[in-house]
Amino acid sequence: MSNALFLSRILLRGFEMRNKLVLNKHASKLLEGHLDKIEADPAFREMMRNSARDIREGRVTSHEQVMRMSQALGRRKPKKHR
């Protein structure tokens, strides 16, 4: 590979990375604004309190259990419609 081609690839990669960084910064600023609005919603806050209470009181299903249930449903034979 020529030095010019190698250098151009390095410069292009750097340009792509800077663009991604700028996009990520812009997206995170937009997201922060939306999150502030969502978190200020009384219904959302109540839902989060209820979720935290359910977790503390053990009223949740583990991911592993949900995966086992899903796999079991997938193994069932479909019913034939008449």
N, C-alpha and C. Protein backbone atom coordinates (compact mmCIF):
# COMPACT_ATOMS: atom_id res chain seq x y z
N MET A 1 0.86 -1.18 0.00
CA MET A 1 0.00 0.00 0.00
C MET A 1 0.90 1.24 0.00
N SER A 2 0.56 2.20 -0.81
CA SER A 2 1.37 3.41 -0.90
C SER A 2 1.17 4.26 0.36
N ASN A 3 2.15 5.11 0.62
CA ASN A 3 2.07 5.99 1.78
C ASN A 3 0.88 6.95 1.66
N ALA A 4 0.61 7.41 0.44
CA ALA A 4 -0.50 8.35 0.24
C ALA A 4 -1.83 7.68 0.54
N LEU A 5 -1.98 6.44 0.08
CA LEU A 5 -3.22 5.72 0.31
C LEU A 5 -3.40 5.44 1.81
N PHE A 6 -2.31 5.02 2.45
CA PHE A 6 -2.35 4.76 3.88
C PHE A 6 -2.72 6.02 4.65
N LEU A 7 -2.10 7.14 4.30
CA LEU A 7 -2.39 8.40 4.98
C LEU A 7 -3.83 8.83 4.74
N SER A 8 -4.31 8.66 3.50
CA SER A 8 -5.69 9.06 3.21
C SER A 8 -6.68 8.21 4.00
N ARG A 9 -6.39 6.93 4.17
CA ARG A 9 -7.27 6.07 4.97
C ARG A 9 -7.28 6.50 6.44
N ILE A 10 -6.13 6.85 6.96
CA ILE A 10 -6.05 7.31 8.35
C ILE A 10 -6.84 8.61 8.50
N LEU A 11 -6.68 9.54 7.57
CA LEU A 11 -7.40 10.81 7.64
C LEU A 11 -8.91 10.59 7.52
N LEU A 12 -9.32 9.72 6.63
CA LEU A 12 -10.74 9.42 6.46
C LEU A 12 -11.31 8.81 7.74
N ARG A 13 -10.57 7.89 8.32
CA ARG A 13 -11.04 7.25 9.56
C ARG A 13 -11.17 8.29 10.67
N GLY A 14 -10.22 9.20 10.77
CA GLY A 14 -10.29 10.26 11.76
C GLY A 14 -11.49 11.16 11.53
N PHE A 15 -11.77 11.47 10.28
CA PHE A 15 -12.93 12.29 9.94
C PHE A 15 -14.22 11.58 10.33
N GLU A 16 -14.31 10.28 10.04
CA GLU A 16 -15.50 9.51 10.41
C GLU A 16 -15.69 9.50 11.93
N MET A 17 -14.61 9.34 12.67
CA MET A 17 -14.70 9.30 14.13
C MET A 17 -15.15 10.65 14.68
N ARG A 18 -14.65 11.75 14.12
CA ARG A 18 -15.08 13.07 14.57
C ARG A 18 -16.56 13.28 14.29
N ASN A 19 -17.02 12.83 13.11
CA ASN A 19 -18.43 12.96 12.79
C ASN A 19 -19.29 12.17 13.77
N LYS A 20 -18.85 10.96 14.11
CA LYS A 20 -19.60 10.16 15.07
C LYS A 20 -19.63 10.84 16.43
N LEU A 21 -18.53 11.43 16.82
CA LEU A 21 -18.47 12.13 18.10
C LEU A 21 -19.43 13.31 18.12
N VAL A 22 -19.45 14.08 17.05
CA VAL A 22 -20.36 15.22 16.95
C VAL A 22 -21.81 14.74 16.99
N LEU A 23 -22.11 13.67 16.25
CA LEU A 23 -23.48 13.13 16.26
C LEU A 23 -23.87 12.62 17.63
N ASN A 24 -22.95 11.95 18.30
CA ASN A 24 -23.24 11.43 19.65
C ASN A 24 -23.49 12.57 20.63
N LYS A 25 -22.70 13.62 20.54
CA LYS A 25 -22.90 14.76 21.44
C LYS A 25 -24.25 15.40 21.18
N HIS A 26 -24.61 15.57 19.91
CA HIS A 26 -25.89 16.18 19.56
C HIS A 26 -27.05 15.30 20.03
N ALA A 27 -26.94 14.00 19.81
CA ALA A 27 -28.01 13.08 20.21
C ALA A 27 -28.16 13.06 21.73
N SER A 28 -27.05 13.09 22.46
CA SER A 28 -27.15 13.05 23.92
C SER A 28 -27.79 14.32 24.46
N LYS A 29 -27.53 15.47 23.83
CA LYS A 29 -28.17 16.71 24.26
C LYS A 29 -29.67 16.64 24.02
N LEU A 30 -30.08 16.12 22.85
CA LEU A 30 -31.51 15.97 22.57
C LEU A 30 -32.15 15.01 23.54
N LEU A 31 -31.48 13.92 23.83
CA LEU A 31 -32.02 12.91 24.73
C LEU A 31 -32.16 13.46 26.14
N GLU A 32 -31.20 14.24 26.59
CA GLU A 32 -31.29 14.83 27.93
C GLU A 32 -32.54 15.68 28.06
N GLY A 33 -32.87 16.45 27.04
CA GLY A 33 -34.06 17.28 27.08
C GLY A 33 -35.32 16.44 27.17
N HIS A 34 -35.37 15.36 26.40
CA HIS A 34 -36.53 14.49 26.45
C HIS A 34 -36.64 13.77 27.78
N LEU A 35 -35.50 13.33 28.31
CA LEU A 35 -35.52 12.63 29.60
C LEU A 35 -36.02 13.55 30.71
N ASP A 36 -35.63 14.80 30.69
CA ASP A 36 -36.11 15.74 31.70
C ASP A 36 -37.63 15.85 31.66
N LYS A 37 -38.18 15.92 30.44
CA LYS A 37 -39.64 16.00 30.30
C LYS A 37 -40.31 14.72 30.79
N ILE A 38 -39.75 13.58 30.43
CA ILE A 38 -40.34 12.30 30.83
C ILE A 38 -40.29 12.14 32.34
N GLU A 39 -39.13 12.43 32.94
CA GLU A 39 -38.97 12.26 34.37
C GLU A 39 -39.83 13.22 35.17
N ALA A 40 -40.22 14.33 34.59
CA ALA A 40 -41.06 15.30 35.29
C ALA A 40 -42.54 14.88 35.27
N ASP A 41 -42.90 13.94 34.42
CA ASP A 41 -44.29 13.49 34.30
C ASP A 41 -44.71 12.72 35.55
N PRO A 42 -45.78 13.16 36.25
CA PRO A 42 -46.22 12.47 37.47
C PRO A 42 -46.59 11.00 37.23
N ALA A 43 -47.16 10.67 36.09
CA ALA A 43 -47.53 9.28 35.81
C ALA A 43 -46.26 8.41 35.70
N PHE A 44 -45.23 8.96 35.07
CA PHE A 44 -43.97 8.22 34.95
C PHE A 44 -43.34 8.01 36.32
N ARG A 45 -43.36 9.05 37.14
CA ARG A 45 -42.77 8.94 38.48
C ARG A 45 -43.51 7.89 39.31
N GLU A 46 -44.82 7.85 39.20
CA GLU A 46 -45.63 6.85 39.93
C GLU A 46 -45.30 5.45 39.43
N MET A 47 -45.16 5.29 38.11
CA MET A 47 -44.82 3.99 37.54
C MET A 47 -43.46 3.52 38.06
N MET A 48 -42.50 4.44 38.14
CA MET A 48 -41.16 4.08 38.64
C MET A 48 -41.21 3.70 40.12
N ARG A 49 -42.02 4.42 40.92
CA ARG A 49 -42.17 4.05 42.34
C ARG A 49 -42.77 2.66 42.47
N ASN A 50 -43.79 2.37 41.66
CA ASN A 50 -44.42 1.05 41.70
C ASN A 50 -43.45 -0.04 41.28
N SER A 51 -42.65 0.23 40.25
CA SER A 51 -41.65 -0.74 39.79
C SER A 51 -40.62 -1.01 40.87
N ALA A 52 -40.14 0.04 41.52
CA ALA A 52 -39.15 -0.13 42.59
C ALA A 52 -39.73 -0.95 43.74
N ARG A 53 -41.00 -0.68 44.08
CA ARG A 53 -41.65 -1.43 45.15
C ARG A 53 -41.79 -2.90 44.76
N ASP A 54 -42.18 -3.18 43.53
CA ASP A 54 -42.31 -4.56 43.07
C ASP A 54 -40.98 -5.30 43.13
N ILE A 55 -39.91 -4.61 42.76
CA ILE A 55 -38.57 -5.23 42.81
C ILE A 55 -38.19 -5.53 44.26
N ARG A 56 -38.39 -4.56 45.15
CA ARG A 56 -38.06 -4.78 46.56
C ARG A 56 -38.84 -5.95 47.16
N GLU A 57 -40.11 -6.08 46.76
CA GLU A 57 -40.98 -7.10 47.33
C GLU A 57 -40.91 -8.42 46.57
N GLY A 58 -40.04 -8.51 45.59
CA GLY A 58 -39.81 -9.76 44.88
C GLY A 58 -40.91 -10.15 43.90
N ARG A 59 -41.66 -9.21 43.44
CA ARG A 59 -42.74 -9.50 42.48
C ARG A 59 -42.27 -9.30 41.04
N VAL A 60 -41.13 -9.86 40.74
CA VAL A 60 -40.59 -9.75 39.39
C VAL A 60 -40.21 -11.14 38.89
N THR A 61 -40.13 -11.29 37.59
CA THR A 61 -39.72 -12.54 36.97
C THR A 61 -38.32 -12.34 36.41
N SER A 62 -37.42 -13.28 36.72
CA SER A 62 -36.04 -13.14 36.24
C SER A 62 -35.98 -13.32 34.73
N HIS A 63 -34.94 -12.77 34.14
CA HIS A 63 -34.75 -12.88 32.70
C HIS A 63 -34.63 -14.35 32.29
N GLU A 64 -33.90 -15.13 33.09
CA GLU A 64 -33.71 -16.54 32.79
C GLU A 64 -35.04 -17.28 32.76
N GLN A 65 -35.93 -16.97 33.72
CA GLN A 65 -37.22 -17.62 33.77
C GLN A 65 -38.07 -17.24 32.56
N VAL A 66 -38.04 -15.99 32.17
CA VAL A 66 -38.79 -15.54 31.00
C VAL A 66 -38.27 -16.25 29.75
N MET A 67 -36.95 -16.39 29.63
CA MET A 67 -36.38 -17.07 28.47
C MET A 67 -36.82 -18.54 28.43
N ARG A 68 -36.84 -19.22 29.58
CA ARG A 68 -37.30 -20.61 29.62
C ARG A 68 -38.75 -20.70 29.20
N MET A 69 -39.59 -19.79 29.69
CA MET A 69 -41.01 -19.79 29.33
C MET A 69 -41.18 -19.56 27.83
N SER A 70 -40.41 -18.64 27.28
CA SER A 70 -40.49 -18.34 25.85
C SER A 70 -40.07 -19.53 25.01
N GLN A 71 -39.00 -20.20 25.42
CA GLN A 71 -38.54 -21.37 24.68
C GLN A 71 -39.55 -22.50 24.75
N ALA A 72 -40.19 -22.66 25.91
CA ALA A 72 -41.21 -23.70 26.05
C ALA A 72 -42.39 -23.41 25.13
N LEU A 73 -42.78 -22.16 25.02
CA LEU A 73 -43.88 -21.81 24.12
C LEU A 73 -43.50 -22.08 22.67
N GLY A 74 -42.26 -21.85 22.32
CA GLY A 74 -41.79 -22.07 20.96
C GLY A 74 -41.76 -23.54 20.59
N ARG A 75 -41.60 -24.41 21.57
CA ARG A 75 -41.54 -25.85 21.30
C ARG A 75 -42.92 -26.47 21.15
N ARG A 76 -43.96 -25.78 21.59
CA ARG A 76 -45.31 -26.32 21.47
C ARG A 76 -45.71 -26.45 20.02
N LYS A 77 -46.48 -27.47 19.73
CA LYS A 77 -47.00 -27.62 18.36
C LYS A 77 -48.14 -26.65 18.16
N PRO A 78 -48.19 -25.99 17.02
CA PRO A 78 -49.30 -25.05 16.78
C PRO A 78 -50.62 -25.83 16.63
N LYS A 79 -51.70 -25.21 17.10
CA LYS A 79 -53.01 -25.81 16.96
C LYS A 79 -53.47 -25.71 15.52
N LYS A 80 -54.13 -26.77 15.06
CA LYS A 80 -54.67 -26.76 13.70
C LYS A 80 -56.05 -26.15 13.73
N HIS A 81 -56.32 -25.23 12.85
CA HIS A 81 -57.62 -24.59 12.75
C HIS A 81 -58.50 -25.42 11.84
N ARG A 82 -59.74 -25.62 12.22
CA ARG A 82 -60.67 -26.41 11.41
C ARG A 82 -61.49 -25.55 10.50
